[in-house]
Amino acid sequence: MAYDVAVYLHLLSLFGLIGAITTVVLSNFRLRAAGSFREAAQWARLIDRASWAFPLAILGLVASGAYLTTERWTWSTPWIVVSIAGLIVDTVQGPLIAGPRAKALRDALTVDAATGALDSRVRSLANDRVLWVVLFANPGIVLAITWNMTVKPGTAEAVAAILVGYGLGAATALLVTKPSRGYRALSASPATTPTTVNRPTEKRA
C-alpha cells in the first residue's frame, strides 16, 4: 500500500512539473507576442505565479523517488543514477541560467510601467535565446527521465535519452528565436505607440 501511494505521489509530482513547465513556456510565448505593456505585464505575473510550482514538484519527485528506489531498486541502478543527474541539471539551470534573464525582463517591464509602452529592450529580452533554450531543454529532460522510468535502460541508453531530450529542446528554442524581418523591424522601434500617416489631400475639380 505504501509503495502504491509513493508511485501515485511520484506521478502526481511529475504531472505537476510538466504542467508548470507548459504554463511558463506558453506564457513566455504570449509575453513575447504582446502588443502592449498591459498585456505583457499580465503574462509576466502568470509566469511568476507558475514558477512557485517548480520547487514543490521537484521536492515531491525527489522524496517519492527516494522511497521507491529504497524499496524496489538500488541507488546504483544505471537509469536511476542518470535520471537523478538529469533532474539536477533541470533544477539548477532554471534559477542559475534562466533566472537572471527572467529577472532582467521583469526589471525592464518595471521601467516601462512609467510610460505604459513596450520598448526594444523588453522585446529583445523576451526573445533571449539562452532563456528559450532553458525553457525548451527542461521539458526535454523531463520527457527523457520519463522514458528512462518507463523503459529502465542501461547507462548508455539512459544517457542518450537525456542528451536527445536536451538537444531537441535546444534545437527547438533556436528555431523559435530565429529572428525574422518582421521581428527586426518591430524590435528596432523604441515603443509600440501608433503613428499617424499624413496622406496628401486630393484636390477636387
N, C-alpha and C. Protein backbone atom coordinates (compact mmCIF):
# COMPACT_ATOMS: atom_id res chain seq x y z
N MET A 1 0.83 -1.21 0.00
CA MET A 1 0.00 0.00 0.00
C MET A 1 0.87 1.26 0.00
N ALA A 2 1.88 1.31 0.85
CA ALA A 2 2.76 2.48 0.93
C ALA A 2 3.49 2.69 -0.38
N TYR A 3 3.89 1.59 -1.01
CA TYR A 3 4.60 1.70 -2.29
C TYR A 3 3.68 2.28 -3.36
N ASP A 4 2.43 1.83 -3.39
CA ASP A 4 1.46 2.34 -4.36
C ASP A 4 1.20 3.83 -4.15
N VAL A 5 1.13 4.26 -2.91
CA VAL A 5 0.94 5.68 -2.61
C VAL A 5 2.14 6.48 -3.10
N ALA A 6 3.34 5.93 -2.90
CA ALA A 6 4.55 6.62 -3.34
C ALA A 6 4.58 6.75 -4.86
N VAL A 7 4.13 5.69 -5.57
CA VAL A 7 4.06 5.75 -7.03
C VAL A 7 3.07 6.84 -7.46
N TYR A 8 1.93 6.89 -6.79
CA TYR A 8 0.93 7.92 -7.11
C TYR A 8 1.50 9.33 -6.90
N LEU A 9 2.16 9.55 -5.77
CA LEU A 9 2.74 10.87 -5.48
C LEU A 9 3.85 11.20 -6.47
N HIS A 10 4.60 10.19 -6.89
CA HIS A 10 5.67 10.41 -7.85
C HIS A 10 5.09 10.88 -9.19
N LEU A 11 4.05 10.18 -9.64
CA LEU A 11 3.40 10.57 -10.90
C LEU A 11 2.71 11.92 -10.77
N LEU A 12 2.09 12.18 -9.63
CA LEU A 12 1.43 13.46 -9.40
C LEU A 12 2.44 14.60 -9.45
N SER A 13 3.60 14.40 -8.85
CA SER A 13 4.66 15.42 -8.88
C SER A 13 5.16 15.62 -10.30
N LEU A 14 5.28 14.53 -11.04
CA LEU A 14 5.73 14.62 -12.43
C LEU A 14 4.74 15.41 -13.27
N PHE A 15 3.45 15.11 -13.11
CA PHE A 15 2.42 15.85 -13.86
C PHE A 15 2.40 17.32 -13.46
N GLY A 16 2.62 17.58 -12.17
CA GLY A 16 2.68 18.97 -11.71
C GLY A 16 3.84 19.72 -12.33
N LEU A 17 4.98 19.05 -12.43
CA LEU A 17 6.15 19.67 -13.03
C LEU A 17 5.91 19.95 -14.51
N ILE A 18 5.33 18.99 -15.21
CA ILE A 18 5.04 19.18 -16.64
C ILE A 18 4.02 20.30 -16.83
N GLY A 19 3.02 20.36 -15.96
CA GLY A 19 2.03 21.43 -16.05
C GLY A 19 2.64 22.80 -15.83
N ALA A 20 3.54 22.92 -14.84
CA ALA A 20 4.18 24.20 -14.57
C ALA A 20 5.07 24.62 -15.74
N ILE A 21 5.82 23.67 -16.29
CA ILE A 21 6.68 23.98 -17.43
C ILE A 21 5.85 24.44 -18.62
N THR A 22 4.74 23.73 -18.88
CA THR A 22 3.88 24.10 -20.00
C THR A 22 3.30 25.49 -19.83
N THR A 23 2.86 25.81 -18.62
CA THR A 23 2.31 27.14 -18.34
C THR A 23 3.34 28.23 -18.56
N VAL A 24 4.56 28.01 -18.08
CA VAL A 24 5.62 29.01 -18.21
C VAL A 24 6.01 29.21 -19.68
N VAL A 25 6.14 28.11 -20.41
CA VAL A 25 6.53 28.21 -21.82
C VAL A 25 5.47 28.96 -22.63
N LEU A 26 4.21 28.56 -22.47
CA LEU A 26 3.13 29.21 -23.21
C LEU A 26 3.00 30.69 -22.83
N SER A 27 3.19 30.99 -21.55
CA SER A 27 3.11 32.38 -21.09
C SER A 27 4.24 33.21 -21.68
N ASN A 28 5.42 32.62 -21.81
CA ASN A 28 6.53 33.34 -22.42
C ASN A 28 6.26 33.61 -23.90
N PHE A 29 5.60 32.66 -24.57
CA PHE A 29 5.20 32.88 -25.96
C PHE A 29 4.27 34.09 -26.05
N ARG A 30 3.27 34.13 -25.16
CA ARG A 30 2.31 35.23 -25.18
C ARG A 30 2.95 36.55 -24.79
N LEU A 31 3.88 36.50 -23.85
CA LEU A 31 4.59 37.72 -23.45
C LEU A 31 5.40 38.27 -24.61
N ARG A 32 6.06 37.38 -25.32
CA ARG A 32 6.89 37.80 -26.45
C ARG A 32 6.05 38.42 -27.57
N ALA A 33 4.82 37.92 -27.71
CA ALA A 33 3.95 38.42 -28.77
C ALA A 33 3.06 39.57 -28.32
N ALA A 34 3.20 40.00 -27.07
CA ALA A 34 2.34 41.05 -26.52
C ALA A 34 2.46 42.33 -27.33
N GLY A 35 1.32 42.98 -27.54
CA GLY A 35 1.32 44.23 -28.29
C GLY A 35 1.24 45.46 -27.42
N SER A 36 1.12 45.27 -26.11
CA SER A 36 1.03 46.40 -25.20
C SER A 36 1.69 46.05 -23.88
N PHE A 37 2.01 47.07 -23.10
CA PHE A 37 2.62 46.84 -21.80
C PHE A 37 1.68 46.09 -20.88
N ARG A 38 0.41 46.47 -20.90
CA ARG A 38 -0.56 45.82 -20.02
C ARG A 38 -0.65 44.32 -20.29
N GLU A 39 -0.67 43.94 -21.55
CA GLU A 39 -0.74 42.53 -21.91
C GLU A 39 0.52 41.79 -21.47
N ALA A 40 1.68 42.39 -21.71
CA ALA A 40 2.94 41.76 -21.32
C ALA A 40 3.03 41.60 -19.81
N ALA A 41 2.58 42.60 -19.06
CA ALA A 41 2.64 42.54 -17.60
C ALA A 41 1.75 41.42 -17.06
N GLN A 42 0.61 41.20 -17.69
CA GLN A 42 -0.29 40.13 -17.24
C GLN A 42 0.37 38.76 -17.39
N TRP A 43 1.02 38.52 -18.52
CA TRP A 43 1.69 37.24 -18.73
C TRP A 43 2.91 37.08 -17.84
N ALA A 44 3.58 38.19 -17.56
CA ALA A 44 4.74 38.13 -16.65
C ALA A 44 4.31 37.73 -15.25
N ARG A 45 3.17 38.23 -14.80
CA ARG A 45 2.65 37.85 -13.47
C ARG A 45 2.27 36.38 -13.43
N LEU A 46 1.70 35.87 -14.52
CA LEU A 46 1.34 34.45 -14.56
C LEU A 46 2.58 33.57 -14.50
N ILE A 47 3.65 34.00 -15.16
CA ILE A 47 4.91 33.25 -15.12
C ILE A 47 5.45 33.20 -13.70
N ASP A 48 5.40 34.32 -12.99
CA ASP A 48 5.88 34.36 -11.61
C ASP A 48 5.07 33.41 -10.72
N ARG A 49 3.76 33.38 -10.91
CA ARG A 49 2.92 32.52 -10.08
C ARG A 49 3.16 31.04 -10.38
N ALA A 50 3.30 30.71 -11.66
CA ALA A 50 3.52 29.31 -12.03
C ALA A 50 4.88 28.81 -11.59
N SER A 51 5.85 29.71 -11.46
CA SER A 51 7.21 29.30 -11.10
C SER A 51 7.28 28.73 -9.69
N TRP A 52 6.32 29.09 -8.84
CA TRP A 52 6.33 28.57 -7.48
C TRP A 52 6.06 27.07 -7.43
N ALA A 53 5.50 26.52 -8.51
CA ALA A 53 5.20 25.09 -8.53
C ALA A 53 6.45 24.24 -8.74
N PHE A 54 7.51 24.82 -9.27
CA PHE A 54 8.70 24.03 -9.58
C PHE A 54 9.36 23.41 -8.34
N PRO A 55 9.66 24.19 -7.30
CA PRO A 55 10.30 23.55 -6.13
C PRO A 55 9.42 22.51 -5.47
N LEU A 56 8.09 22.74 -5.45
CA LEU A 56 7.19 21.76 -4.83
C LEU A 56 7.16 20.46 -5.62
N ALA A 57 7.09 20.58 -6.96
CA ALA A 57 7.05 19.38 -7.80
C ALA A 57 8.35 18.61 -7.72
N ILE A 58 9.47 19.33 -7.74
CA ILE A 58 10.77 18.66 -7.67
C ILE A 58 10.98 17.99 -6.32
N LEU A 59 10.53 18.66 -5.25
CA LEU A 59 10.62 18.06 -3.92
C LEU A 59 9.79 16.78 -3.85
N GLY A 60 8.60 16.82 -4.44
CA GLY A 60 7.76 15.62 -4.46
C GLY A 60 8.40 14.49 -5.25
N LEU A 61 9.03 14.82 -6.38
CA LEU A 61 9.71 13.80 -7.18
C LEU A 61 10.87 13.17 -6.41
N VAL A 62 11.66 14.01 -5.76
CA VAL A 62 12.83 13.51 -5.04
C VAL A 62 12.41 12.65 -3.86
N ALA A 63 11.45 13.12 -3.07
CA ALA A 63 11.02 12.39 -1.87
C ALA A 63 10.39 11.05 -2.23
N SER A 64 9.44 11.07 -3.17
CA SER A 64 8.78 9.82 -3.56
C SER A 64 9.74 8.90 -4.30
N GLY A 65 10.60 9.49 -5.13
CA GLY A 65 11.58 8.68 -5.86
C GLY A 65 12.58 8.01 -4.94
N ALA A 66 12.96 8.71 -3.89
CA ALA A 66 13.90 8.12 -2.92
C ALA A 66 13.28 6.92 -2.24
N TYR A 67 11.99 7.04 -1.90
CA TYR A 67 11.31 5.91 -1.26
C TYR A 67 11.21 4.72 -2.21
N LEU A 68 10.82 4.98 -3.45
CA LEU A 68 10.68 3.91 -4.44
C LEU A 68 12.02 3.22 -4.70
N THR A 69 13.08 4.02 -4.77
CA THR A 69 14.40 3.44 -5.01
C THR A 69 14.84 2.55 -3.85
N THR A 70 14.59 3.02 -2.65
CA THR A 70 14.98 2.25 -1.47
C THR A 70 14.20 0.94 -1.36
N GLU A 71 12.92 0.98 -1.75
CA GLU A 71 12.06 -0.19 -1.59
C GLU A 71 12.30 -1.26 -2.65
N ARG A 72 12.44 -0.85 -3.92
CA ARG A 72 12.46 -1.83 -5.00
C ARG A 72 13.76 -1.83 -5.82
N TRP A 73 14.53 -0.77 -5.72
CA TRP A 73 15.71 -0.66 -6.56
C TRP A 73 16.93 -0.39 -5.68
N THR A 74 18.03 0.00 -6.32
CA THR A 74 19.24 0.41 -5.59
C THR A 74 19.70 1.75 -6.14
N TRP A 75 20.48 2.45 -5.36
CA TRP A 75 20.96 3.76 -5.78
C TRP A 75 22.03 3.67 -6.86
N SER A 76 22.49 2.48 -7.15
CA SER A 76 23.47 2.28 -8.22
C SER A 76 22.84 1.83 -9.53
N THR A 77 21.52 1.72 -9.57
CA THR A 77 20.83 1.34 -10.80
C THR A 77 21.11 2.40 -11.88
N PRO A 78 21.62 1.98 -13.06
CA PRO A 78 22.07 2.96 -14.07
C PRO A 78 21.04 4.01 -14.44
N TRP A 79 19.82 3.60 -14.78
CA TRP A 79 18.84 4.59 -15.24
C TRP A 79 18.41 5.52 -14.12
N ILE A 80 18.49 5.08 -12.88
CA ILE A 80 18.16 5.94 -11.75
C ILE A 80 19.26 6.99 -11.55
N VAL A 81 20.51 6.56 -11.63
CA VAL A 81 21.64 7.49 -11.48
C VAL A 81 21.59 8.56 -12.56
N VAL A 82 21.36 8.14 -13.81
CA VAL A 82 21.30 9.09 -14.92
C VAL A 82 20.10 10.03 -14.78
N SER A 83 18.98 9.49 -14.36
CA SER A 83 17.78 10.32 -14.20
C SER A 83 17.96 11.34 -13.08
N ILE A 84 18.63 10.95 -12.01
CA ILE A 84 18.92 11.90 -10.93
C ILE A 84 19.82 13.03 -11.44
N ALA A 85 20.82 12.67 -12.24
CA ALA A 85 21.71 13.69 -12.82
C ALA A 85 20.92 14.63 -13.72
N GLY A 86 20.01 14.06 -14.51
CA GLY A 86 19.18 14.91 -15.37
C GLY A 86 18.29 15.83 -14.58
N LEU A 87 17.73 15.33 -13.48
CA LEU A 87 16.87 16.16 -12.63
C LEU A 87 17.68 17.29 -11.99
N ILE A 88 18.93 17.01 -11.64
CA ILE A 88 19.80 18.05 -11.07
C ILE A 88 20.04 19.16 -12.10
N VAL A 89 20.34 18.75 -13.34
CA VAL A 89 20.53 19.74 -14.41
C VAL A 89 19.26 20.56 -14.59
N ASP A 90 18.13 19.89 -14.61
CA ASP A 90 16.84 20.55 -14.78
C ASP A 90 16.58 21.56 -13.66
N THR A 91 16.97 21.18 -12.44
CA THR A 91 16.74 22.03 -11.27
C THR A 91 17.68 23.23 -11.23
N VAL A 92 18.94 23.01 -11.61
CA VAL A 92 19.95 24.04 -11.47
C VAL A 92 19.89 25.10 -12.57
N GLN A 93 19.70 24.66 -13.81
CA GLN A 93 19.80 25.63 -14.90
C GLN A 93 18.62 26.60 -14.94
N GLY A 94 17.51 26.23 -14.27
CA GLY A 94 16.40 27.17 -14.19
C GLY A 94 16.77 28.44 -13.44
N PRO A 95 17.09 28.33 -12.13
CA PRO A 95 17.42 29.55 -11.38
C PRO A 95 18.76 30.18 -11.74
N LEU A 96 19.75 29.37 -12.14
CA LEU A 96 21.10 29.91 -12.39
C LEU A 96 21.25 30.50 -13.78
N ILE A 97 20.58 29.95 -14.77
CA ILE A 97 20.75 30.43 -16.14
C ILE A 97 19.54 31.25 -16.60
N ALA A 98 18.35 30.66 -16.47
CA ALA A 98 17.15 31.38 -16.91
C ALA A 98 16.74 32.45 -15.90
N GLY A 99 17.00 32.21 -14.61
CA GLY A 99 16.57 33.15 -13.57
C GLY A 99 17.04 34.58 -13.77
N PRO A 100 18.35 34.82 -13.95
CA PRO A 100 18.82 36.19 -14.14
C PRO A 100 18.22 36.86 -15.38
N ARG A 101 18.01 36.09 -16.43
CA ARG A 101 17.43 36.67 -17.66
C ARG A 101 15.96 37.00 -17.46
N ALA A 102 15.25 36.15 -16.74
CA ALA A 102 13.85 36.44 -16.44
C ALA A 102 13.74 37.67 -15.54
N LYS A 103 14.66 37.80 -14.60
CA LYS A 103 14.66 38.98 -13.72
C LYS A 103 14.93 40.26 -14.51
N ALA A 104 15.87 40.19 -15.46
CA ALA A 104 16.16 41.35 -16.29
C ALA A 104 14.93 41.76 -17.10
N LEU A 105 14.18 40.78 -17.56
CA LEU A 105 12.95 41.07 -18.30
C LEU A 105 11.91 41.73 -17.40
N ARG A 106 11.77 41.22 -16.18
CA ARG A 106 10.82 41.83 -15.23
C ARG A 106 11.24 43.26 -14.90
N ASP A 107 12.54 43.47 -14.71
CA ASP A 107 13.03 44.82 -14.39
C ASP A 107 12.75 45.78 -15.55
N ALA A 108 12.93 45.29 -16.78
CA ALA A 108 12.66 46.14 -17.94
C ALA A 108 11.18 46.48 -18.04
N LEU A 109 10.33 45.53 -17.69
CA LEU A 109 8.89 45.81 -17.67
C LEU A 109 8.54 46.84 -16.60
N THR A 110 9.24 46.78 -15.47
CA THR A 110 9.01 47.75 -14.40
C THR A 110 9.36 49.16 -14.87
N VAL A 111 10.44 49.27 -15.63
CA VAL A 111 10.84 50.58 -16.18
C VAL A 111 9.78 51.08 -17.16
N ASP A 112 9.27 50.17 -17.99
CA ASP A 112 8.27 50.55 -18.98
C ASP A 112 6.92 50.90 -18.36
N ALA A 113 6.73 50.52 -17.09
CA ALA A 113 5.46 50.82 -16.42
C ALA A 113 5.21 52.32 -16.35
N ALA A 114 6.28 53.11 -16.35
CA ALA A 114 6.14 54.56 -16.24
C ALA A 114 5.50 55.15 -17.50
N THR A 115 5.81 54.57 -18.65
CA THR A 115 5.28 55.08 -19.92
C THR A 115 4.11 54.26 -20.44
N GLY A 116 4.03 53.00 -20.00
CA GLY A 116 2.96 52.14 -20.48
C GLY A 116 3.16 51.63 -21.88
N ALA A 117 4.40 51.71 -22.37
CA ALA A 117 4.72 51.24 -23.72
C ALA A 117 5.89 50.27 -23.67
N LEU A 118 5.91 49.31 -24.56
CA LEU A 118 6.99 48.33 -24.63
C LEU A 118 8.11 48.87 -25.51
N ASP A 119 9.33 48.90 -24.95
CA ASP A 119 10.45 49.37 -25.74
C ASP A 119 11.21 48.19 -26.34
N SER A 120 12.26 48.50 -27.10
CA SER A 120 13.02 47.47 -27.80
C SER A 120 13.77 46.56 -26.84
N ARG A 121 14.14 47.06 -25.66
CA ARG A 121 14.87 46.23 -24.69
C ARG A 121 13.98 45.09 -24.18
N VAL A 122 12.72 45.38 -23.88
CA VAL A 122 11.80 44.34 -23.43
C VAL A 122 11.64 43.27 -24.50
N ARG A 123 11.48 43.69 -25.73
CA ARG A 123 11.29 42.72 -26.82
C ARG A 123 12.54 41.89 -27.03
N SER A 124 13.70 42.51 -26.86
CA SER A 124 14.95 41.78 -27.02
C SER A 124 15.12 40.74 -25.90
N LEU A 125 14.83 41.12 -24.66
CA LEU A 125 14.94 40.20 -23.53
C LEU A 125 13.91 39.07 -23.62
N ALA A 126 12.73 39.38 -24.14
CA ALA A 126 11.69 38.35 -24.29
C ALA A 126 12.06 37.33 -25.37
N ASN A 127 13.01 37.68 -26.23
CA ASN A 127 13.45 36.78 -27.29
C ASN A 127 14.86 36.24 -27.03
N ASP A 128 15.32 36.34 -25.78
CA ASP A 128 16.66 35.88 -25.43
C ASP A 128 16.82 34.38 -25.71
N ARG A 129 17.82 34.04 -26.51
CA ARG A 129 17.97 32.64 -26.94
C ARG A 129 18.34 31.70 -25.79
N VAL A 130 19.18 32.16 -24.88
CA VAL A 130 19.58 31.31 -23.77
C VAL A 130 18.38 31.01 -22.88
N LEU A 131 17.56 32.01 -22.65
CA LEU A 131 16.33 31.81 -21.86
C LEU A 131 15.44 30.76 -22.51
N TRP A 132 15.27 30.84 -23.81
CA TRP A 132 14.40 29.90 -24.51
C TRP A 132 15.01 28.50 -24.58
N VAL A 133 16.33 28.41 -24.64
CA VAL A 133 16.97 27.09 -24.60
C VAL A 133 16.62 26.37 -23.30
N VAL A 134 16.68 27.10 -22.19
CA VAL A 134 16.33 26.50 -20.90
C VAL A 134 14.84 26.14 -20.87
N LEU A 135 13.99 27.02 -21.41
CA LEU A 135 12.56 26.78 -21.40
C LEU A 135 12.18 25.50 -22.16
N PHE A 136 12.91 25.21 -23.23
CA PHE A 136 12.60 24.02 -24.02
C PHE A 136 13.44 22.81 -23.62
N ALA A 137 14.66 23.04 -23.15
CA ALA A 137 15.52 21.92 -22.76
C ALA A 137 15.01 21.25 -21.49
N ASN A 138 14.47 22.02 -20.57
CA ASN A 138 13.96 21.44 -19.32
C ASN A 138 12.85 20.41 -19.56
N PRO A 139 11.82 20.74 -20.34
CA PRO A 139 10.82 19.70 -20.61
C PRO A 139 11.39 18.53 -21.41
N GLY A 140 12.42 18.80 -22.24
CA GLY A 140 13.07 17.72 -22.96
C GLY A 140 13.73 16.74 -22.00
N ILE A 141 14.35 17.26 -20.95
CA ILE A 141 14.96 16.41 -19.93
C ILE A 141 13.88 15.64 -19.16
N VAL A 142 12.79 16.31 -18.82
CA VAL A 142 11.71 15.66 -18.08
C VAL A 142 11.14 14.50 -18.89
N LEU A 143 10.94 14.70 -20.18
CA LEU A 143 10.42 13.62 -21.02
C LEU A 143 11.43 12.48 -21.12
N ALA A 144 12.71 12.81 -21.16
CA ALA A 144 13.75 11.77 -21.20
C ALA A 144 13.77 10.97 -19.89
N ILE A 145 13.61 11.66 -18.77
CA ILE A 145 13.55 10.97 -17.48
C ILE A 145 12.33 10.05 -17.43
N THR A 146 11.21 10.53 -17.97
CA THR A 146 10.00 9.70 -18.01
C THR A 146 10.24 8.45 -18.87
N TRP A 147 10.96 8.63 -19.97
CA TRP A 147 11.33 7.49 -20.82
C TRP A 147 12.18 6.49 -20.03
N ASN A 148 13.15 6.99 -19.32
CA ASN A 148 14.02 6.11 -18.53
C ASN A 148 13.23 5.37 -17.45
N MET A 149 12.28 6.08 -16.83
CA MET A 149 11.45 5.43 -15.81
C MET A 149 10.62 4.30 -16.41
N THR A 150 10.19 4.48 -17.66
CA THR A 150 9.32 3.50 -18.30
C THR A 150 10.10 2.31 -18.85
N VAL A 151 11.18 2.61 -19.58
CA VAL A 151 11.94 1.56 -20.28
C VAL A 151 12.98 0.92 -19.36
N LYS A 152 13.51 1.71 -18.40
CA LYS A 152 14.55 1.24 -17.48
C LYS A 152 15.77 0.69 -18.25
N PRO A 153 16.40 1.55 -19.07
CA PRO A 153 17.50 1.09 -19.91
C PRO A 153 18.82 1.02 -19.14
N GLY A 154 19.88 0.65 -19.86
CA GLY A 154 21.22 0.66 -19.28
C GLY A 154 21.78 2.07 -19.27
N THR A 155 23.04 2.19 -18.84
CA THR A 155 23.65 3.51 -18.68
C THR A 155 23.72 4.27 -20.00
N ALA A 156 24.24 3.64 -21.04
CA ALA A 156 24.42 4.33 -22.32
C ALA A 156 23.09 4.81 -22.90
N GLU A 157 22.09 3.94 -22.85
CA GLU A 157 20.78 4.31 -23.39
C GLU A 157 20.12 5.41 -22.56
N ALA A 158 20.29 5.36 -21.25
CA ALA A 158 19.71 6.38 -20.39
C ALA A 158 20.37 7.74 -20.63
N VAL A 159 21.69 7.75 -20.77
CA VAL A 159 22.41 8.99 -21.06
C VAL A 159 22.00 9.53 -22.42
N ALA A 160 21.87 8.65 -23.41
CA ALA A 160 21.47 9.06 -24.75
C ALA A 160 20.09 9.70 -24.73
N ALA A 161 19.18 9.16 -23.93
CA ALA A 161 17.83 9.73 -23.84
C ALA A 161 17.88 11.15 -23.30
N ILE A 162 18.68 11.37 -22.27
CA ILE A 162 18.81 12.72 -21.70
C ILE A 162 19.41 13.68 -22.72
N LEU A 163 20.45 13.25 -23.42
CA LEU A 163 21.11 14.10 -24.41
C LEU A 163 20.18 14.43 -25.58
N VAL A 164 19.43 13.43 -26.02
CA VAL A 164 18.48 13.66 -27.12
C VAL A 164 17.38 14.62 -26.68
N GLY A 165 16.86 14.43 -25.47
CA GLY A 165 15.83 15.33 -24.97
C GLY A 165 16.32 16.76 -24.87
N TYR A 166 17.53 16.92 -24.34
CA TYR A 166 18.10 18.27 -24.21
C TYR A 166 18.37 18.86 -25.59
N GLY A 167 18.94 18.04 -26.48
CA GLY A 167 19.29 18.53 -27.81
C GLY A 167 18.07 18.96 -28.61
N LEU A 168 17.00 18.17 -28.56
CA LEU A 168 15.78 18.54 -29.27
C LEU A 168 15.17 19.82 -28.71
N GLY A 169 15.22 19.95 -27.38
CA GLY A 169 14.71 21.17 -26.76
C GLY A 169 15.51 22.39 -27.17
N ALA A 170 16.84 22.27 -27.16
CA ALA A 170 17.70 23.39 -27.54
C ALA A 170 17.50 23.75 -29.01
N ALA A 171 17.39 22.74 -29.87
CA ALA A 171 17.19 22.99 -31.30
C ALA A 171 15.85 23.71 -31.55
N THR A 172 14.82 23.29 -30.82
CA THR A 172 13.52 23.94 -30.94
C THR A 172 13.60 25.40 -30.51
N ALA A 173 14.34 25.66 -29.43
CA ALA A 173 14.49 27.03 -28.93
C ALA A 173 15.20 27.91 -29.96
N LEU A 174 16.25 27.40 -30.58
CA LEU A 174 16.98 28.16 -31.58
C LEU A 174 16.10 28.45 -32.79
N LEU A 175 15.25 27.49 -33.13
CA LEU A 175 14.33 27.70 -34.25
C LEU A 175 13.27 28.74 -33.92
N VAL A 176 12.76 28.67 -32.69
CA VAL A 176 11.71 29.61 -32.26
C VAL A 176 12.23 31.04 -32.19
N THR A 177 13.48 31.20 -31.75
CA THR A 177 14.04 32.55 -31.57
C THR A 177 14.79 33.04 -32.79
N LYS A 178 14.68 32.33 -33.89
CA LYS A 178 15.35 32.78 -35.12
C LYS A 178 14.73 34.11 -35.55
N PRO A 179 15.55 35.16 -35.67
CA PRO A 179 15.00 36.48 -36.00
C PRO A 179 14.35 36.47 -37.38
N SER A 180 13.24 37.15 -37.48
CA SER A 180 12.58 37.33 -38.77
C SER A 180 12.60 38.81 -39.13
N ARG A 181 12.29 39.11 -40.36
CA ARG A 181 12.30 40.52 -40.78
C ARG A 181 11.31 41.35 -39.99
N GLY A 182 10.14 40.76 -39.76
CA GLY A 182 9.13 41.49 -39.00
C GLY A 182 9.56 41.77 -37.58
N TYR A 183 10.25 40.77 -36.97
CA TYR A 183 10.70 40.96 -35.59
C TYR A 183 11.79 42.01 -35.53
N ARG A 184 12.72 42.01 -36.52
CA ARG A 184 13.79 43.02 -36.52
C ARG A 184 13.20 44.41 -36.62
N ALA A 185 12.22 44.56 -37.49
CA ALA A 185 11.62 45.88 -37.65
C ALA A 185 10.89 46.31 -36.39
N LEU A 186 10.19 45.36 -35.76
CA LEU A 186 9.46 45.68 -34.53
C LEU A 186 10.41 46.00 -33.39
N SER A 187 11.53 45.25 -33.30
CA SER A 187 12.49 45.48 -32.23
C SER A 187 13.21 46.79 -32.40
N ALA A 188 13.33 47.26 -33.64
CA ALA A 188 14.06 48.50 -33.90
C ALA A 188 13.28 49.72 -33.44
N SER A 189 11.96 49.62 -33.31
CA SER A 189 11.15 50.74 -32.89
C SER A 189 11.24 50.91 -31.39
N PRO A 190 11.35 52.16 -30.87
CA PRO A 190 11.50 52.39 -29.44
C PRO A 190 10.28 52.00 -28.63
N ALA A 191 9.10 52.01 -29.21
CA ALA A 191 7.89 51.67 -28.46
C ALA A 191 6.81 51.27 -29.45
N THR A 192 5.78 50.71 -28.92
CA THR A 192 4.70 50.24 -29.78
C THR A 192 3.55 51.24 -29.78
N THR A 193 3.87 52.50 -29.96
CA THR A 193 2.83 53.51 -30.00
C THR A 193 2.39 53.71 -31.43
N PRO A 194 1.14 53.91 -31.66
CA PRO A 194 0.66 54.06 -33.03
C PRO A 194 1.17 55.34 -33.65
N THR A 195 1.39 55.34 -34.93
CA THR A 195 1.86 56.52 -35.64
C THR A 195 0.79 56.97 -36.62
N THR A 196 0.77 58.24 -36.89
CA THR A 196 -0.20 58.81 -37.81
C THR A 196 0.47 59.06 -39.15
N VAL A 197 -0.13 58.56 -40.19
CA VAL A 197 0.41 58.74 -41.52
C VAL A 197 -0.31 59.89 -42.19
N ASN A 198 0.45 60.89 -42.59
CA ASN A 198 -0.12 62.05 -43.26
C ASN A 198 -0.28 61.75 -44.74
N ARG A 199 -1.48 61.72 -45.21
CA ARG A 199 -1.74 61.47 -46.62
C ARG A 199 -2.03 62.77 -47.35
N PRO A 200 -1.56 62.87 -48.57
CA PRO A 200 -1.82 64.12 -49.32
C PRO A 200 -3.31 64.31 -49.59
N THR A 201 -3.75 65.52 -49.51
CA THR A 201 -5.15 65.84 -49.74
C THR A 201 -5.43 65.90 -51.24
N GLU A 202 -6.43 65.14 -51.66
CA GLU A 202 -6.77 65.14 -53.07
C GLU A 202 -7.54 66.41 -53.42
N LYS A 203 -7.18 67.01 -54.54
CA LYS A 203 -7.87 68.20 -55.00
C LYS A 203 -9.11 67.83 -55.80
N ARG A 204 -10.18 68.50 -55.49
CA ARG A 204 -11.40 68.26 -56.25
C ARG A 204 -11.52 69.24 -57.41
N ALA A 205 -12.00 68.70 -58.49
CA ALA A 205 -12.13 69.53 -59.70
C ALA A 205 -13.30 70.51 -59.55
